[in-house]
Amino acid sequence: MISCNSSKKDAFVEENLKATQITPKSLLNKKAIIYTTAKDTDLRLSLTNENIFKQSNQPKETDVSIFVNPQKTFQEFLGIGGAITDASSEVFSKLSADKQEELLKAYYSEEGINYNIIRTSIHSSDFGLGSHTYIEDGDKELKTFSIKKDKVKRIPMIKRAQALIKDDLVFYASPWSPPAFMKTNNHMLQGGKLLPKYYQTWADYFVKFIKAYEQEGIPVWGVTIQNEPMAVQRWESCIYTAEEERDFLKNNLGPTFEKNGFADKNIVVWDHNRDLISHRANTIFEDKEAMKYAWGIGYHWYETWTGGDPKYDNLKNIKESFPTKNLLFTEGCQEKFDANEYQRWSNAERYGNSMINDFNSGTVGWTDWNILLNENGGPNHVQNFCFAPIHADTTTNELIYTPSYYYIGHFSKFINPKAVRVSTTTSRSTLESTSFKNIDGSIVTVVMNKTNSKIVYNLIVGNNEISLEIEPHAMQSVLY
């Protein structure tokens, strides 16, 4: 469990942050507090140090420095969270009452890591016990539409999480596949396409989903049009070319939302990897009719499956090309589950690298995949087993916290919705860093060291600096 949740520490944080209505000049003699998670130690989001800002000196070429300029701010922060899937709710239902409460607080409370984003699927995804839809097969008029199945386990878990989130809940949903009869392959699995004659029926299905969930007291922030629209998967999947997604948005989904009073619902396009994201953005956002319905573009991190590095430059290009459109990380997880590797540190560093670089590229929000899976990395009805930040061993009623949970927490626990990203650069590639300024004026600088060596570095903010040390394979949050 998280190790920085004592009332004494919380009071310490609150006391220091109240004094941080700052400009760079006023940091002199002010206190910074540092939280650390580090490999081969007991440090897990632990309060490890306090330091006092002094007047900065000209940094030397031999120094390792991080430069923060609070006068230069960028995108507004939407939040961080994960997906409550059928798999997550199935595992959750098998936990004892006290473990259920622990899990929810670990994610959604201030004593935990303070998630505020929840994603779910529109009917089924691969992470569940099987495929299902909300209608009877062949019901073209959607007369049998019902979310009865979701009410058993998924919606109760969502509502319990929602109850812990204060005022900044972002709940959105994504379809993995339309019902089989609406598709060219007459199957929910293995790709296929939405038949043009069902474009409007499928848009109406989205509306029915939103109405049904909101009748349950769950406000829907928005939807993505299709999870991974260029992947033919052995699980629920559906293919849209860029032109097909554009036309469905501008001719069906967007106008249908407007007609039903849902113009305030946010529609996110693409919802796939960074490698092809520019083509999708160019095709949809260059079309004036389609663009007006799109809040922004979502993406995953799985382009590394085909080799190479994450394509962060593609995100920066989109933000430069279409500055009014938002970037949202909609899914990522560590693939190829291995029960012997819960504490594999490279999993956490993949999260840290992605989150720092995604935010520095203009991303407003970050959504992990399943918040909870079992001791087998599931359930998944096609055996696509993966890691989650927290696993439950359903044979022992034990929650297993992975390093990824704590690395995510270095962002989500301290950066609040409506914060703005602050200019942050590093003098050496050995450190990665990003910063956000909360609406109370406090600043959070997150620093990651992926090397095998301890690093001493200067954090230079305007005309003031502190000298800090970060352990090998460690993450720090510096609050000031």
Protein backbone atom coordinates (compact mmCIF):
# COMPACT_ATOMS: atom_id res chain seq x y z
CA MET A 1 0.00 0.00 0.00
CA ILE A 2 1.05 3.59 -0.49
CA SER A 3 3.45 4.81 2.17
CA CYS A 4 2.74 8.55 2.37
CA ASN A 5 -0.80 8.63 3.70
CA SER A 6 -0.34 9.56 7.34
CA SER A 7 -2.25 12.59 8.59
CA LYS A 8 1.01 14.09 9.83
CA LYS A 9 2.51 14.01 6.36
CA ASP A 10 -0.67 15.28 4.75
CA ALA A 11 -0.75 18.18 7.19
CA PHE A 12 2.90 18.88 6.41
CA VAL A 13 2.13 19.01 2.70
CA GLU A 14 -0.88 21.26 3.21
CA GLU A 15 1.05 23.64 5.46
CA ASN A 16 3.87 24.03 2.95
CA LEU A 17 1.66 24.34 -0.09
CA LYS A 18 -0.36 27.13 1.50
CA ALA A 19 2.81 29.19 1.45
CA THR A 20 3.50 28.63 -2.22
CA GLN A 21 1.53 31.37 -3.97
CA ILE A 22 4.76 32.05 -5.75
CA THR A 23 6.59 33.77 -8.49
CA PRO A 24 10.16 32.61 -9.19
CA LYS A 25 11.64 35.46 -7.13
CA SER A 26 9.73 34.49 -3.99
CA LEU A 27 11.17 30.95 -3.78
CA LEU A 28 14.26 32.16 -1.95
CA ASN A 29 14.37 30.45 1.47
CA LYS A 30 11.18 28.54 0.69
CA LYS A 31 10.93 24.84 1.37
CA ALA A 32 10.66 22.02 -1.16
CA ILE A 33 9.51 18.58 -0.11
CA ILE A 34 10.52 15.46 -1.98
CA TYR A 35 8.76 12.12 -2.39
CA THR A 36 10.69 9.16 -3.76
CA THR A 37 10.11 5.66 -5.12
CA ALA A 38 13.28 3.66 -5.78
CA LYS A 39 14.27 0.17 -6.85
CA ASP A 40 15.93 -2.12 -4.30
CA THR A 41 14.73 0.07 -1.42
CA ASP A 42 11.61 0.35 0.74
CA LEU A 43 10.84 3.78 -0.71
CA ARG A 44 7.36 3.85 -2.24
CA LEU A 45 6.01 7.37 -2.69
CA SER A 46 7.84 8.09 0.56
CA LEU A 47 8.59 11.52 1.98
CA THR A 48 12.38 11.46 1.81
CA ASN A 49 13.73 14.97 2.04
CA GLU A 50 13.16 18.67 2.55
CA ASN A 51 15.32 21.35 1.03
CA ILE A 52 15.49 25.13 1.08
CA PHE A 53 15.80 27.19 -2.10
CA LYS A 54 18.82 29.47 -2.34
CA GLN A 55 19.97 32.00 -4.91
CA SER A 56 20.99 30.16 -8.06
CA ASN A 57 24.41 30.37 -9.64
CA GLN A 58 25.40 29.98 -13.27
CA PRO A 59 25.28 26.19 -13.79
CA LYS A 60 28.45 24.49 -14.96
CA GLU A 61 28.73 22.25 -18.01
CA THR A 62 29.62 19.39 -15.68
CA ASP A 63 26.43 19.86 -13.61
CA VAL A 64 23.25 17.91 -14.10
CA SER A 65 20.45 20.46 -13.99
CA ILE A 66 16.71 20.70 -14.44
CA PHE A 67 15.44 24.13 -15.49
CA VAL A 68 11.88 25.18 -14.65
CA ASN A 69 10.37 28.44 -15.90
CA PRO A 70 6.97 29.02 -14.23
CA GLN A 71 6.35 32.03 -16.49
CA LYS A 72 5.94 29.73 -19.49
CA THR A 73 2.85 27.55 -19.21
CA PHE A 74 1.13 25.21 -21.63
CA GLN A 75 -1.83 22.82 -21.64
CA GLU A 76 -4.35 22.47 -18.81
CA PHE A 77 -4.29 19.15 -16.98
CA LEU A 78 -7.44 17.00 -17.25
CA GLY A 79 -6.38 14.18 -14.97
CA ILE A 80 -5.10 10.62 -14.65
CA GLY A 81 -6.93 7.34 -14.21
CA GLY A 82 -7.57 3.86 -15.52
CA ALA A 83 -10.23 1.57 -16.92
CA ILE A 84 -12.88 -0.25 -14.94
CA THR A 85 -13.51 -3.18 -17.25
CA ASP A 86 -15.63 -6.29 -16.88
CA ALA A 87 -12.39 -8.05 -15.89
CA SER A 88 -11.61 -5.49 -13.17
CA SER A 89 -15.11 -5.65 -11.72
CA GLU A 90 -15.12 -9.46 -11.87
CA VAL A 91 -11.91 -9.65 -9.84
CA PHE A 92 -13.14 -6.90 -7.51
CA SER A 93 -16.30 -8.89 -6.76
CA LYS A 94 -14.19 -11.78 -5.45
CA LEU A 95 -12.38 -9.64 -2.86
CA SER A 96 -13.43 -9.32 0.77
CA ALA A 97 -15.15 -6.09 1.77
CA ASP A 98 -12.03 -4.69 3.43
CA LYS A 99 -9.87 -5.44 0.40
CA GLN A 100 -12.43 -3.83 -1.90
CA GLU A 101 -12.30 -0.69 0.22
CA GLU A 102 -8.49 -0.75 0.23
CA LEU A 103 -8.39 -1.04 -3.57
CA LEU A 104 -10.79 1.86 -4.10
CA LYS A 105 -8.97 4.12 -1.65
CA ALA A 106 -5.61 3.18 -3.15
CA TYR A 107 -6.72 4.58 -6.48
CA TYR A 108 -9.38 7.22 -5.86
CA SER A 109 -8.67 8.88 -2.53
CA GLU A 110 -6.19 11.55 -1.49
CA GLU A 111 -4.52 9.05 0.82
CA GLY A 112 -4.03 6.90 -2.28
CA ILE A 113 -3.00 8.24 -5.69
CA ASN A 114 -6.04 10.37 -6.40
CA TYR A 115 -7.31 9.11 -9.76
CA ASN A 116 -10.12 11.12 -11.37
CA ILE A 117 -10.44 9.50 -14.83
CA ILE A 118 -12.45 6.33 -15.46
CA ARG A 119 -12.68 4.62 -18.85
CA THR A 120 -14.95 1.70 -19.64
CA SER A 121 -16.06 -0.27 -22.67
CA ILE A 122 -19.36 0.05 -24.53
CA HIS A 123 -20.51 -3.55 -23.99
CA SER A 124 -17.64 -6.06 -24.09
CA SER A 125 -13.89 -6.00 -24.71
CA ASP A 126 -11.40 -8.85 -24.49
CA PHE A 127 -11.02 -8.23 -20.75
CA GLY A 128 -14.06 -10.09 -19.46
CA LEU A 129 -15.56 -13.56 -19.37
CA GLY A 130 -17.00 -13.34 -22.89
CA SER A 131 -18.51 -11.20 -25.64
CA HIS A 132 -21.84 -9.46 -25.20
CA THR A 133 -23.83 -6.49 -26.49
CA TYR A 134 -26.76 -4.49 -25.11
CA ILE A 135 -29.28 -5.76 -27.66
CA GLU A 136 -30.64 -9.04 -28.94
CA ASP A 137 -29.02 -10.29 -32.15
CA GLY A 138 -30.47 -8.61 -35.23
CA ASP A 139 -32.35 -5.86 -33.34
CA LYS A 140 -31.92 -3.11 -35.92
CA GLU A 141 -34.26 -0.74 -34.09
CA LEU A 142 -32.50 -1.15 -30.73
CA LYS A 143 -35.80 -1.99 -29.01
CA THR A 144 -34.15 -4.51 -26.69
CA PHE A 145 -31.32 -2.18 -25.59
CA SER A 146 -30.42 -2.84 -21.95
CA ILE A 147 -27.33 -2.43 -19.78
CA LYS A 148 -28.66 -5.04 -17.34
CA LYS A 149 -25.42 -7.05 -17.50
CA ASP A 150 -23.32 -4.01 -16.59
CA LYS A 151 -25.50 -3.39 -13.54
CA VAL A 152 -24.41 -6.64 -11.93
CA LYS A 153 -20.73 -5.90 -11.27
CA ARG A 154 -19.29 -3.17 -13.49
CA ILE A 155 -21.60 -0.26 -12.67
CA PRO A 156 -21.58 -0.87 -8.90
CA MET A 157 -17.77 -0.69 -8.94
CA ILE A 158 -17.80 2.46 -11.07
CA LYS A 159 -20.25 4.12 -8.70
CA ARG A 160 -18.15 3.29 -5.66
CA ALA A 161 -15.10 4.80 -7.36
CA GLN A 162 -17.12 7.81 -8.47
CA ALA A 163 -18.21 8.43 -4.88
CA LEU A 164 -14.58 8.95 -3.86
CA ILE A 165 -13.74 11.41 -6.65
CA LYS A 166 -14.46 14.96 -5.56
CA ASP A 167 -15.50 17.32 -8.35
CA ASP A 168 -13.35 16.38 -11.32
CA LEU A 169 -14.68 13.01 -12.52
CA VAL A 170 -13.90 12.31 -16.17
CA PHE A 171 -15.85 9.21 -17.24
CA TYR A 172 -15.65 8.09 -20.85
CA ALA A 173 -16.41 4.96 -22.86
CA SER A 174 -15.03 3.20 -25.92
CA PRO A 175 -16.50 0.48 -28.14
CA TRP A 176 -14.35 -2.48 -29.19
CA SER A 177 -16.87 -3.70 -31.78
CA PRO A 178 -20.44 -3.05 -32.94
CA PRO A 179 -22.84 -6.03 -32.69
CA ALA A 180 -21.94 -8.79 -35.15
CA PHE A 181 -24.90 -8.29 -37.49
CA MET A 182 -23.83 -4.67 -38.12
CA LYS A 183 -20.43 -5.74 -39.49
CA THR A 184 -19.03 -6.99 -42.76
CA ASN A 185 -17.69 -10.19 -41.18
CA ASN A 186 -20.83 -10.86 -39.09
CA HIS A 187 -18.59 -11.36 -36.04
CA MET A 188 -17.54 -9.20 -33.10
CA LEU A 189 -14.00 -10.60 -33.23
CA GLN A 190 -11.33 -10.53 -35.94
CA GLY A 191 -11.85 -7.03 -37.28
CA GLY A 192 -14.45 -6.49 -39.97
CA LYS A 193 -16.07 -3.12 -40.69
CA LEU A 194 -19.26 -1.35 -39.72
CA LEU A 195 -21.68 -1.70 -42.62
CA PRO A 196 -22.64 1.75 -44.00
CA LYS A 197 -26.35 0.92 -43.66
CA TYR A 198 -25.84 0.69 -39.89
CA TYR A 199 -23.89 3.93 -39.42
CA GLN A 200 -26.93 5.73 -38.02
CA THR A 201 -28.06 2.76 -35.95
CA TRP A 202 -24.62 2.59 -34.36
CA ALA A 203 -24.67 6.35 -33.64
CA ASP A 204 -28.05 5.87 -31.94
CA TYR A 205 -26.51 3.03 -29.89
CA PHE A 206 -23.96 5.49 -28.45
CA VAL A 207 -26.81 7.79 -27.39
CA LYS A 208 -28.67 4.94 -25.71
CA PHE A 209 -25.50 4.01 -23.83
CA ILE A 210 -25.03 7.56 -22.54
CA LYS A 211 -28.67 7.86 -21.49
CA ALA A 212 -28.62 4.50 -19.73
CA TYR A 213 -25.44 5.23 -17.78
CA GLU A 214 -26.58 8.70 -16.81
CA GLN A 215 -29.86 7.23 -15.56
CA GLU A 216 -27.63 5.23 -13.21
CA GLY A 217 -26.16 8.50 -11.91
CA ILE A 218 -22.89 8.27 -13.83
CA PRO A 219 -22.24 11.49 -15.80
CA VAL A 220 -20.62 10.69 -19.14
CA TRP A 221 -17.82 13.09 -20.10
CA GLY A 222 -17.44 11.63 -23.57
CA VAL A 223 -16.67 8.73 -25.87
CA THR A 224 -14.04 7.54 -28.28
CA ILE A 225 -15.35 6.42 -31.67
CA GLN A 226 -13.53 3.09 -31.85
CA ASN A 227 -10.85 1.34 -29.83
CA GLU A 228 -7.86 0.60 -32.07
CA PRO A 229 -9.57 1.14 -35.45
CA MET A 230 -6.63 -0.18 -37.49
CA ALA A 231 -6.09 -3.49 -35.65
CA VAL A 232 -7.64 -6.80 -36.68
CA GLN A 233 -7.56 -8.54 -33.31
CA ARG A 234 -8.56 -12.03 -32.25
CA TRP A 235 -10.82 -10.25 -29.77
CA GLU A 236 -13.52 -7.61 -30.29
CA SER A 237 -12.33 -5.24 -33.01
CA CYS A 238 -13.56 -3.15 -35.92
CA ILE A 239 -11.67 -1.37 -38.69
CA TYR A 240 -12.21 2.24 -39.79
CA THR A 241 -10.02 3.97 -42.33
CA ALA A 242 -9.36 7.63 -41.56
CA GLU A 243 -11.97 8.64 -44.13
CA GLU A 244 -14.55 6.24 -42.71
CA GLU A 245 -14.08 7.51 -39.18
CA ARG A 246 -14.24 11.11 -40.43
CA ASP A 247 -17.48 10.50 -42.27
CA PHE A 248 -19.10 8.60 -39.40
CA LEU A 249 -18.21 11.48 -37.09
CA LYS A 250 -19.46 14.32 -39.27
CA ASN A 251 -22.51 12.62 -40.82
CA ASN A 252 -23.74 10.46 -37.97
CA LEU A 253 -22.24 10.57 -34.50
CA GLY A 254 -21.70 14.33 -34.18
CA PRO A 255 -25.14 15.36 -35.53
CA THR A 256 -26.83 12.60 -33.50
CA PHE A 257 -25.25 13.87 -30.29
CA GLU A 258 -26.41 17.41 -31.12
CA LYS A 259 -29.93 16.24 -31.94
CA ASN A 260 -30.19 14.45 -28.59
CA GLY A 261 -28.89 17.33 -26.49
CA PHE A 262 -25.43 15.83 -26.11
CA ALA A 263 -23.41 18.54 -27.83
CA ASP A 264 -21.50 18.91 -24.56
CA LYS A 265 -20.26 15.31 -24.72
CA ASN A 266 -16.67 15.08 -25.87
CA ILE A 267 -15.85 12.93 -28.89
CA VAL A 268 -12.31 11.57 -29.16
CA VAL A 269 -11.04 10.20 -32.48
CA TRP A 270 -8.40 7.56 -33.33
CA ASP A 271 -7.87 5.84 -29.91
CA HIS A 272 -4.94 3.85 -31.31
CA ASN A 273 -1.13 4.08 -31.43
CA ARG A 274 1.19 7.05 -31.93
CA ASP A 275 2.72 5.73 -35.16
CA LEU A 276 -0.25 6.40 -37.49
CA ILE A 277 -1.82 9.17 -35.42
CA SER A 278 -0.73 12.02 -37.72
CA HIS A 279 -2.56 10.60 -40.72
CA ARG A 280 -5.76 10.28 -38.68
CA ALA A 281 -5.42 13.81 -37.30
CA ASN A 282 -4.73 15.30 -40.72
CA THR A 283 -7.68 13.53 -42.32
CA ILE A 284 -10.25 14.41 -39.66
CA PHE A 285 -9.07 17.80 -38.40
CA GLU A 286 -8.56 19.24 -41.89
CA ASP A 287 -12.26 18.62 -42.56
CA LYS A 288 -14.14 21.59 -41.11
CA GLU A 289 -17.40 19.70 -40.61
CA ALA A 290 -15.76 16.74 -38.88
CA MET A 291 -13.37 18.89 -36.87
CA LYS A 292 -16.16 20.81 -35.13
CA TYR A 293 -17.41 17.62 -33.49
CA ALA A 294 -14.00 16.36 -32.30
CA TRP A 295 -12.74 17.39 -28.86
CA GLY A 296 -9.40 15.83 -29.64
CA ILE A 297 -7.48 12.70 -30.47
CA GLY A 298 -6.72 9.70 -28.27
CA TYR A 299 -3.81 7.30 -28.48
CA HIS A 300 -2.15 4.16 -27.05
CA TRP A 301 1.51 3.21 -26.64
CA TYR A 302 1.64 -0.15 -28.41
CA GLU A 303 3.51 1.06 -31.52
CA THR A 304 6.60 -0.34 -29.79
CA TRP A 305 5.26 -3.83 -30.59
CA THR A 306 6.57 -3.39 -34.13
CA GLY A 307 9.98 -2.18 -32.95
CA GLY A 308 11.50 1.23 -32.44
CA ASP A 309 10.88 3.93 -29.88
CA PRO A 310 7.65 5.64 -28.82
CA LYS A 311 6.67 8.25 -31.42
CA TYR A 312 6.42 11.31 -29.15
CA ASP A 313 7.32 13.69 -31.98
CA ASN A 314 4.07 12.77 -33.71
CA LEU A 315 2.16 14.12 -30.70
CA LYS A 316 4.12 17.39 -30.77
CA ASN A 317 3.42 17.75 -34.48
CA ILE A 318 -0.32 17.35 -33.94
CA LYS A 319 -0.32 19.90 -31.12
CA GLU A 320 1.56 22.37 -33.31
CA SER A 321 -0.63 21.67 -36.34
CA PHE A 322 -4.00 21.69 -34.55
CA PRO A 323 -3.51 23.69 -31.34
CA THR A 324 -7.24 23.81 -30.52
CA LYS A 325 -7.46 20.02 -30.38
CA ASN A 326 -6.54 18.00 -27.31
CA LEU A 327 -4.30 14.98 -26.88
CA LEU A 328 -5.50 12.21 -24.54
CA PHE A 329 -3.65 9.02 -23.67
CA THR A 330 -6.48 6.47 -23.69
CA GLU A 331 -4.75 3.15 -23.01
CA GLY A 332 -1.50 1.48 -22.10
CA CYS A 333 -0.48 -1.64 -20.22
CA GLN A 334 2.49 -3.95 -19.92
CA GLU A 335 1.83 -6.95 -22.14
CA LYS A 336 2.79 -10.64 -21.72
CA PHE A 337 1.82 -11.24 -18.12
CA ASP A 338 4.18 -13.26 -15.92
CA ALA A 339 3.21 -13.91 -12.31
CA ASN A 340 6.90 -14.06 -11.38
CA GLU A 341 7.45 -10.51 -12.58
CA TYR A 342 5.05 -8.37 -10.54
CA GLN A 343 7.96 -6.26 -9.30
CA ARG A 344 9.72 -5.88 -12.67
CA TRP A 345 11.04 -2.33 -12.47
CA SER A 346 11.21 -1.76 -16.23
CA ASN A 347 7.40 -1.91 -16.34
CA ALA A 348 7.24 1.14 -14.08
CA GLU A 349 9.92 2.95 -16.06
CA ARG A 350 7.89 2.43 -19.23
CA TYR A 351 5.05 4.27 -17.48
CA GLY A 352 7.35 7.02 -16.25
CA ASN A 353 8.94 7.57 -19.65
CA SER A 354 5.58 7.67 -21.40
CA MET A 355 3.89 9.97 -18.92
CA ILE A 356 6.73 12.50 -18.82
CA ASN A 357 7.12 12.62 -22.59
CA ASP A 358 3.39 12.50 -23.32
CA PHE A 359 2.77 15.47 -21.04
CA ASN A 360 5.76 17.34 -22.44
CA SER A 361 4.27 16.76 -25.91
CA GLY A 362 1.00 18.49 -24.97
CA THR A 363 -1.15 15.65 -23.60
CA VAL A 364 -3.88 16.78 -21.18
CA GLY A 365 -4.85 13.46 -19.59
CA TRP A 366 -3.50 9.95 -19.15
CA THR A 367 -5.57 6.76 -18.85
CA ASP A 368 -4.09 3.42 -17.86
CA TRP A 369 -5.81 0.17 -18.92
CA ASN A 370 -7.33 -2.25 -16.34
CA ILE A 371 -7.06 -0.93 -12.79
CA LEU A 372 -7.25 -4.47 -11.40
CA LEU A 373 -6.55 -7.96 -12.75
CA ASN A 374 -6.23 -11.36 -11.10
CA GLU A 375 -3.24 -13.60 -10.43
CA ASN A 376 -3.34 -14.79 -14.05
CA GLY A 377 -3.40 -11.31 -15.63
CA GLY A 378 -7.09 -11.64 -16.49
CA PRO A 379 -9.81 -12.70 -16.84
CA ASN A 380 -9.60 -12.35 -20.60
CA HIS A 381 -11.82 -14.45 -22.84
CA VAL A 382 -9.14 -14.81 -25.55
CA GLN A 383 -6.17 -15.25 -23.17
CA ASN A 384 -4.66 -11.83 -23.88
CA PHE A 385 -3.26 -11.60 -20.36
CA CYS A 386 -1.51 -8.41 -19.18
CA PHE A 387 -0.19 -6.59 -16.14
CA ALA A 388 -2.13 -4.01 -14.13
CA PRO A 389 -0.76 -1.58 -11.52
CA ILE A 390 -2.52 -3.65 -8.86
CA HIS A 391 -3.29 -7.36 -9.04
CA ALA A 392 -5.45 -9.44 -6.74
CA ASP A 393 -4.57 -13.00 -5.87
CA THR A 394 -8.11 -14.31 -5.61
CA THR A 395 -6.86 -17.53 -3.97
CA THR A 396 -5.43 -15.63 -0.99
CA ASN A 397 -7.47 -12.37 -1.02
CA GLU A 398 -4.21 -10.43 -1.36
CA LEU A 399 -3.64 -7.17 -3.24
CA ILE A 400 -0.30 -6.97 -5.03
CA TYR A 401 1.00 -3.45 -5.65
CA THR A 402 3.44 -3.22 -8.56
CA PRO A 403 6.08 -0.50 -9.07
CA SER A 404 3.91 0.92 -11.88
CA TYR A 405 1.26 1.90 -9.33
CA TYR A 406 3.75 4.08 -7.46
CA TYR A 407 5.25 5.61 -10.60
CA ILE A 408 1.79 6.67 -11.80
CA GLY A 409 1.15 8.06 -8.33
CA HIS A 410 4.11 10.43 -8.61
CA PHE A 411 1.94 12.33 -11.10
CA SER A 412 -1.66 11.66 -10.09
CA LYS A 413 -1.25 12.20 -6.35
CA PHE A 414 0.25 15.67 -6.61
CA ILE A 415 -0.89 17.20 -9.91
CA ASN A 416 -4.49 18.40 -9.68
CA PRO A 417 -7.05 18.85 -12.46
CA LYS A 418 -6.85 22.33 -14.00
CA ALA A 419 -3.11 22.56 -13.29
CA VAL A 420 -1.03 23.87 -16.19
CA ARG A 421 2.18 22.39 -17.50
CA VAL A 422 5.26 24.51 -16.87
CA SER A 423 8.36 24.80 -19.06
CA THR A 424 10.85 22.17 -17.91
CA THR A 425 14.09 21.00 -19.52
CA THR A 426 17.06 18.88 -18.47
CA SER A 427 20.76 19.35 -19.20
CA ARG A 428 21.42 15.60 -19.44
CA SER A 429 19.44 12.73 -20.96
CA THR A 430 20.11 10.68 -17.82
CA LEU A 431 17.15 12.46 -16.21
CA GLU A 432 13.63 12.95 -17.55
CA SER A 433 11.33 15.56 -16.08
CA THR A 434 8.07 17.48 -16.36
CA SER A 435 6.39 20.10 -14.14
CA PHE A 436 2.87 21.34 -13.47
CA LYS A 437 1.57 24.35 -11.55
CA ASN A 438 -1.60 23.73 -9.56
CA ILE A 439 -4.29 26.37 -9.30
CA ASP A 440 -3.13 27.24 -5.75
CA GLY A 441 0.26 28.23 -7.19
CA SER A 442 2.15 25.18 -5.97
CA ILE A 443 4.44 23.47 -8.45
CA VAL A 444 5.16 19.76 -8.85
CA THR A 445 8.29 18.69 -10.70
CA VAL A 446 8.51 14.97 -11.48
CA VAL A 447 11.97 13.53 -12.09
CA MET A 448 12.92 10.04 -13.28
CA ASN A 449 16.34 8.38 -13.20
CA LYS A 450 16.52 5.21 -15.35
CA THR A 451 20.27 4.72 -14.87
CA ASN A 452 22.15 2.38 -12.55
CA SER A 453 23.79 5.31 -10.76
CA LYS A 454 22.77 7.79 -8.12
CA ILE A 455 22.58 11.27 -9.63
CA VAL A 456 23.11 14.63 -7.92
CA TYR A 457 21.27 17.41 -9.75
CA ASN A 458 20.28 21.05 -9.43
CA LEU A 459 16.64 22.04 -9.70
CA ILE A 460 16.78 25.62 -10.96
CA VAL A 461 13.51 27.56 -10.82
CA GLY A 462 13.85 31.11 -12.05
CA ASN A 463 16.59 32.69 -9.97
CA ASN A 464 16.56 30.06 -7.21
CA GLU A 465 17.79 26.51 -6.91
CA ILE A 466 18.06 23.48 -4.69
CA SER A 467 20.52 20.61 -4.91
CA LEU A 468 18.98 17.14 -4.85
CA GLU A 469 19.98 13.53 -5.15
CA ILE A 470 18.00 10.77 -6.83
CA GLU A 471 18.58 7.06 -6.35
CA PRO A 472 19.27 4.67 -9.25
CA HIS A 473 16.08 3.57 -11.04
CA ALA A 474 13.97 6.02 -9.08
CA MET A 475 11.18 8.53 -9.43
CA GLN A 476 10.80 11.74 -7.44
CA SER A 477 8.06 14.31 -7.02
CA VAL A 478 9.38 17.66 -5.83
CA LEU A 479 6.70 19.95 -4.34
CA TYR A 480 7.34 23.66 -3.81
